[in-house]
Amino acid sequence: MFAKHVFYEGRVQGVGFRYTVKALANEFEVSGWVRNLADGRVELLVVSTDDEALDAFLQEILDSRLEHHIKGVTATDVEAPDGLRGFSIRD
């Protein structure tokens, strides 16, 4: 399993960011969640059995209509949590 913990900075709240990410996740073999943070960033945890699918998903986010809202991205490889299924938006 491959997993990444990602933080997006910029004007990433109030623009449909989480819903766009969730819709994109449905096109890839990934699981995880996305949520807004109190400091204005968006946090993403994404897991896949396919490293290339995970990277393609993250690139698709950058290439999507969200591109001009993103001013910074911090991504870290993490250990995949057990039992994560599907993709959700967290509050």
N, C-alpha and C. Protein backbone atom coordinates (compact mmCIF):
# COMPACT_ATOMS: atom_id res chain seq x y z
N MET A 1 0.84 -1.19 0.00
CA MET A 1 0.00 0.00 0.00
C MET A 1 0.88 1.24 0.00
N PHE A 2 0.41 2.25 -0.70
CA PHE A 2 1.09 3.53 -0.77
C PHE A 2 0.14 4.59 -0.21
N ALA A 3 0.68 5.55 0.52
CA ALA A 3 -0.17 6.59 1.10
C ALA A 3 0.58 7.92 1.13
N LYS A 4 -0.19 8.98 0.95
CA LYS A 4 0.36 10.33 1.04
C LYS A 4 -0.57 11.20 1.87
N HIS A 5 0.05 12.07 2.64
CA HIS A 5 -0.65 13.06 3.44
C HIS A 5 -0.30 14.40 2.79
N VAL A 6 -1.32 15.11 2.32
CA VAL A 6 -1.09 16.30 1.50
C VAL A 6 -1.83 17.49 2.09
N PHE A 7 -1.17 18.66 2.07
CA PHE A 7 -1.79 19.91 2.47
C PHE A 7 -1.75 20.87 1.29
N TYR A 8 -2.90 21.47 0.98
CA TYR A 8 -3.01 22.45 -0.10
C TYR A 8 -3.22 23.83 0.51
N GLU A 9 -2.47 24.81 0.00
CA GLU A 9 -2.59 26.18 0.46
C GLU A 9 -3.04 27.06 -0.69
N GLY A 10 -3.62 28.19 -0.35
CA GLY A 10 -4.11 29.14 -1.34
C GLY A 10 -5.56 29.46 -1.05
N ARG A 11 -6.29 29.78 -2.08
CA ARG A 11 -7.74 30.00 -1.93
C ARG A 11 -8.41 28.66 -2.22
N VAL A 12 -8.28 27.76 -1.26
CA VAL A 12 -8.72 26.38 -1.47
C VAL A 12 -9.98 26.02 -0.68
N GLN A 13 -10.54 26.99 0.02
CA GLN A 13 -11.81 26.77 0.70
C GLN A 13 -12.87 27.68 0.09
N GLY A 14 -14.10 27.16 0.02
CA GLY A 14 -15.19 27.94 -0.55
C GLY A 14 -15.20 27.94 -2.07
N VAL A 15 -14.47 27.03 -2.70
CA VAL A 15 -14.41 26.97 -4.16
C VAL A 15 -14.77 25.59 -4.69
N GLY A 16 -15.33 24.73 -3.84
CA GLY A 16 -15.68 23.37 -4.26
C GLY A 16 -14.50 22.43 -4.30
N PHE A 17 -13.44 22.76 -3.60
CA PHE A 17 -12.21 21.96 -3.63
C PHE A 17 -12.46 20.53 -3.20
N ARG A 18 -13.07 20.36 -2.02
CA ARG A 18 -13.27 19.00 -1.49
C ARG A 18 -14.16 18.17 -2.40
N TYR A 19 -15.19 18.78 -2.96
CA TYR A 19 -16.12 18.04 -3.81
C TYR A 19 -15.47 17.67 -5.14
N THR A 20 -14.63 18.54 -5.65
CA THR A 20 -13.89 18.23 -6.87
C THR A 20 -12.91 17.09 -6.63
N VAL A 21 -12.20 17.14 -5.51
CA VAL A 21 -11.25 16.08 -5.17
C VAL A 21 -11.98 14.74 -5.02
N LYS A 22 -13.13 14.75 -4.36
CA LYS A 22 -13.90 13.52 -4.19
C LYS A 22 -14.34 12.97 -5.55
N ALA A 23 -14.80 13.83 -6.44
CA ALA A 23 -15.23 13.39 -7.77
C ALA A 23 -14.04 12.81 -8.54
N LEU A 24 -12.88 13.45 -8.45
CA LEU A 24 -11.69 12.94 -9.13
C LEU A 24 -11.26 11.59 -8.55
N ALA A 25 -11.40 11.42 -7.25
CA ALA A 25 -11.01 10.16 -6.60
C ALA A 25 -11.80 8.99 -7.16
N ASN A 26 -13.04 9.25 -7.56
CA ASN A 26 -13.87 8.18 -8.12
C ASN A 26 -13.34 7.67 -9.45
N GLU A 27 -12.47 8.44 -10.09
CA GLU A 27 -11.90 8.05 -11.38
C GLU A 27 -10.60 7.25 -11.24
N PHE A 28 -10.12 7.12 -10.01
CA PHE A 28 -8.84 6.44 -9.76
C PHE A 28 -9.03 5.35 -8.71
N GLU A 29 -8.08 4.45 -8.64
CA GLU A 29 -8.11 3.39 -7.64
C GLU A 29 -7.46 3.89 -6.35
N VAL A 30 -8.17 4.83 -5.68
CA VAL A 30 -7.66 5.40 -4.44
C VAL A 30 -8.74 5.40 -3.38
N SER A 31 -8.31 5.42 -2.13
CA SER A 31 -9.19 5.58 -0.97
C SER A 31 -8.64 6.74 -0.16
N GLY A 32 -9.47 7.27 0.73
CA GLY A 32 -8.98 8.32 1.60
C GLY A 32 -10.04 9.31 1.99
N TRP A 33 -9.57 10.50 2.34
CA TRP A 33 -10.49 11.56 2.76
C TRP A 33 -9.86 12.92 2.52
N VAL A 34 -10.71 13.94 2.51
CA VAL A 34 -10.29 15.32 2.34
C VAL A 34 -11.10 16.17 3.32
N ARG A 35 -10.46 17.22 3.86
CA ARG A 35 -11.18 18.10 4.79
C ARG A 35 -10.56 19.49 4.82
N ASN A 36 -11.40 20.46 5.18
CA ASN A 36 -10.93 21.83 5.40
C ASN A 36 -10.30 21.92 6.78
N LEU A 37 -9.29 22.76 6.90
CA LEU A 37 -8.66 23.04 8.18
C LEU A 37 -8.98 24.47 8.60
N ALA A 38 -8.96 24.73 9.89
CA ALA A 38 -9.30 26.05 10.44
C ALA A 38 -8.36 27.14 9.94
N ASP A 39 -7.14 26.78 9.55
CA ASP A 39 -6.17 27.78 9.10
C ASP A 39 -6.29 28.12 7.61
N GLY A 40 -7.32 27.58 6.94
CA GLY A 40 -7.57 27.90 5.54
C GLY A 40 -7.00 26.91 4.54
N ARG A 41 -6.24 25.95 5.01
CA ARG A 41 -5.70 24.92 4.12
C ARG A 41 -6.71 23.79 3.95
N VAL A 42 -6.43 22.91 2.99
CA VAL A 42 -7.18 21.67 2.81
C VAL A 42 -6.21 20.52 3.03
N GLU A 43 -6.66 19.53 3.79
CA GLU A 43 -5.85 18.35 4.11
C GLU A 43 -6.41 17.14 3.37
N LEU A 44 -5.53 16.33 2.82
CA LEU A 44 -5.90 15.14 2.06
C LEU A 44 -5.06 13.96 2.53
N LEU A 45 -5.71 12.84 2.76
CA LEU A 45 -5.02 11.57 2.97
C LEU A 45 -5.49 10.64 1.88
N VAL A 46 -4.56 10.11 1.09
CA VAL A 46 -4.92 9.25 -0.02
C VAL A 46 -4.07 7.99 0.01
N VAL A 47 -4.73 6.86 -0.27
CA VAL A 47 -4.11 5.54 -0.20
C VAL A 47 -4.44 4.78 -1.48
N SER A 48 -3.47 4.00 -1.97
CA SER A 48 -3.70 3.16 -3.13
C SER A 48 -2.75 1.97 -3.11
N THR A 49 -3.17 0.89 -3.74
CA THR A 49 -2.28 -0.25 -3.92
C THR A 49 -1.36 -0.02 -5.11
N ASP A 50 -1.66 1.00 -5.89
CA ASP A 50 -0.92 1.31 -7.12
C ASP A 50 -0.29 2.70 -6.98
N ASP A 51 1.03 2.73 -6.86
CA ASP A 51 1.76 3.99 -6.70
C ASP A 51 1.52 4.94 -7.87
N GLU A 52 1.44 4.39 -9.08
CA GLU A 52 1.22 5.23 -10.26
C GLU A 52 -0.18 5.84 -10.25
N ALA A 53 -1.19 5.09 -9.80
CA ALA A 53 -2.55 5.63 -9.71
C ALA A 53 -2.61 6.74 -8.68
N LEU A 54 -1.92 6.57 -7.58
CA LEU A 54 -1.88 7.60 -6.54
C LEU A 54 -1.25 8.88 -7.09
N ASP A 55 -0.12 8.76 -7.74
CA ASP A 55 0.54 9.93 -8.31
C ASP A 55 -0.30 10.58 -9.41
N ALA A 56 -0.95 9.77 -10.22
CA ALA A 56 -1.81 10.30 -11.29
C ALA A 56 -2.99 11.07 -10.70
N PHE A 57 -3.56 10.56 -9.62
CA PHE A 57 -4.66 11.24 -8.94
C PHE A 57 -4.21 12.61 -8.42
N LEU A 58 -3.06 12.64 -7.76
CA LEU A 58 -2.55 13.91 -7.23
C LEU A 58 -2.25 14.89 -8.36
N GLN A 59 -1.72 14.40 -9.47
CA GLN A 59 -1.45 15.28 -10.60
C GLN A 59 -2.75 15.79 -11.21
N GLU A 60 -3.77 14.95 -11.25
CA GLU A 60 -5.06 15.36 -11.80
C GLU A 60 -5.66 16.51 -10.99
N ILE A 61 -5.46 16.49 -9.67
CA ILE A 61 -5.92 17.60 -8.84
C ILE A 61 -5.24 18.89 -9.29
N LEU A 62 -3.92 18.82 -9.50
CA LEU A 62 -3.16 20.01 -9.92
C LEU A 62 -3.54 20.47 -11.32
N ASP A 63 -3.96 19.55 -12.16
CA ASP A 63 -4.33 19.89 -13.54
C ASP A 63 -5.80 20.26 -13.69
N SER A 64 -6.58 20.13 -12.64
CA SER A 64 -8.02 20.37 -12.71
C SER A 64 -8.33 21.86 -12.64
N ARG A 65 -9.60 22.19 -12.60
CA ARG A 65 -10.05 23.58 -12.49
C ARG A 65 -9.59 24.22 -11.19
N LEU A 66 -9.09 23.41 -10.26
CA LEU A 66 -8.61 23.92 -8.97
C LEU A 66 -7.21 24.54 -9.08
N GLU A 67 -6.55 24.30 -10.19
CA GLU A 67 -5.15 24.70 -10.37
C GLU A 67 -4.87 26.14 -9.96
N HIS A 68 -5.70 27.07 -10.40
CA HIS A 68 -5.40 28.47 -10.11
C HIS A 68 -5.69 28.88 -8.67
N HIS A 69 -6.34 28.01 -7.90
CA HIS A 69 -6.59 28.28 -6.48
C HIS A 69 -5.44 27.80 -5.59
N ILE A 70 -4.65 26.87 -6.09
CA ILE A 70 -3.58 26.25 -5.29
C ILE A 70 -2.31 27.09 -5.39
N LYS A 71 -1.83 27.54 -4.24
CA LYS A 71 -0.59 28.34 -4.20
C LYS A 71 0.57 27.56 -3.60
N GLY A 72 0.28 26.45 -2.94
CA GLY A 72 1.32 25.64 -2.35
C GLY A 72 0.82 24.25 -2.03
N VAL A 73 1.71 23.27 -2.14
CA VAL A 73 1.37 21.87 -1.84
C VAL A 73 2.51 21.27 -1.03
N THR A 74 2.15 20.62 0.07
CA THR A 74 3.13 19.87 0.85
C THR A 74 2.64 18.44 0.93
N ALA A 75 3.42 17.51 0.38
CA ALA A 75 3.03 16.10 0.36
C ALA A 75 4.10 15.27 1.06
N THR A 76 3.64 14.36 1.89
CA THR A 76 4.54 13.49 2.64
C THR A 76 4.09 12.04 2.48
N ASP A 77 5.04 11.15 2.22
CA ASP A 77 4.73 9.72 2.23
C ASP A 77 4.47 9.30 3.67
N VAL A 78 3.39 8.55 3.88
CA VAL A 78 3.05 8.07 5.22
C VAL A 78 2.70 6.59 5.14
N GLU A 79 2.61 5.98 6.30
CA GLU A 79 2.17 4.60 6.37
C GLU A 79 0.67 4.54 6.15
N ALA A 80 0.23 3.63 5.32
CA ALA A 80 -1.20 3.52 5.02
C ALA A 80 -1.96 3.02 6.24
N PRO A 81 -3.03 3.72 6.61
CA PRO A 81 -3.84 3.25 7.74
C PRO A 81 -4.61 1.99 7.35
N ASP A 82 -4.87 1.14 8.32
CA ASP A 82 -5.65 -0.08 8.08
C ASP A 82 -7.12 0.24 7.91
N GLY A 83 -7.77 -0.51 7.04
CA GLY A 83 -9.22 -0.48 6.93
C GLY A 83 -9.82 0.72 6.24
N LEU A 84 -9.04 1.54 5.57
CA LEU A 84 -9.58 2.70 4.87
C LEU A 84 -10.19 2.26 3.56
N ARG A 85 -11.50 2.51 3.40
CA ARG A 85 -12.22 2.11 2.19
C ARG A 85 -12.98 3.31 1.64
N GLY A 86 -13.04 3.42 0.34
CA GLY A 86 -13.78 4.51 -0.29
C GLY A 86 -13.08 5.85 -0.10
N PHE A 87 -13.78 6.89 -0.50
CA PHE A 87 -13.24 8.24 -0.36
C PHE A 87 -14.33 9.13 0.20
N SER A 88 -13.99 9.93 1.22
CA SER A 88 -15.00 10.74 1.87
C SER A 88 -14.54 12.17 2.11
N ILE A 89 -15.51 13.03 2.32
CA ILE A 89 -15.26 14.39 2.76
C ILE A 89 -15.50 14.42 4.26
N ARG A 90 -14.52 14.88 5.00
CA ARG A 90 -14.64 14.96 6.45
C ARG A 90 -14.86 16.41 6.86
N ASP A 91 -15.59 16.57 7.94
CA ASP A 91 -15.80 17.92 8.50
C ASP A 91 -14.75 18.24 9.52
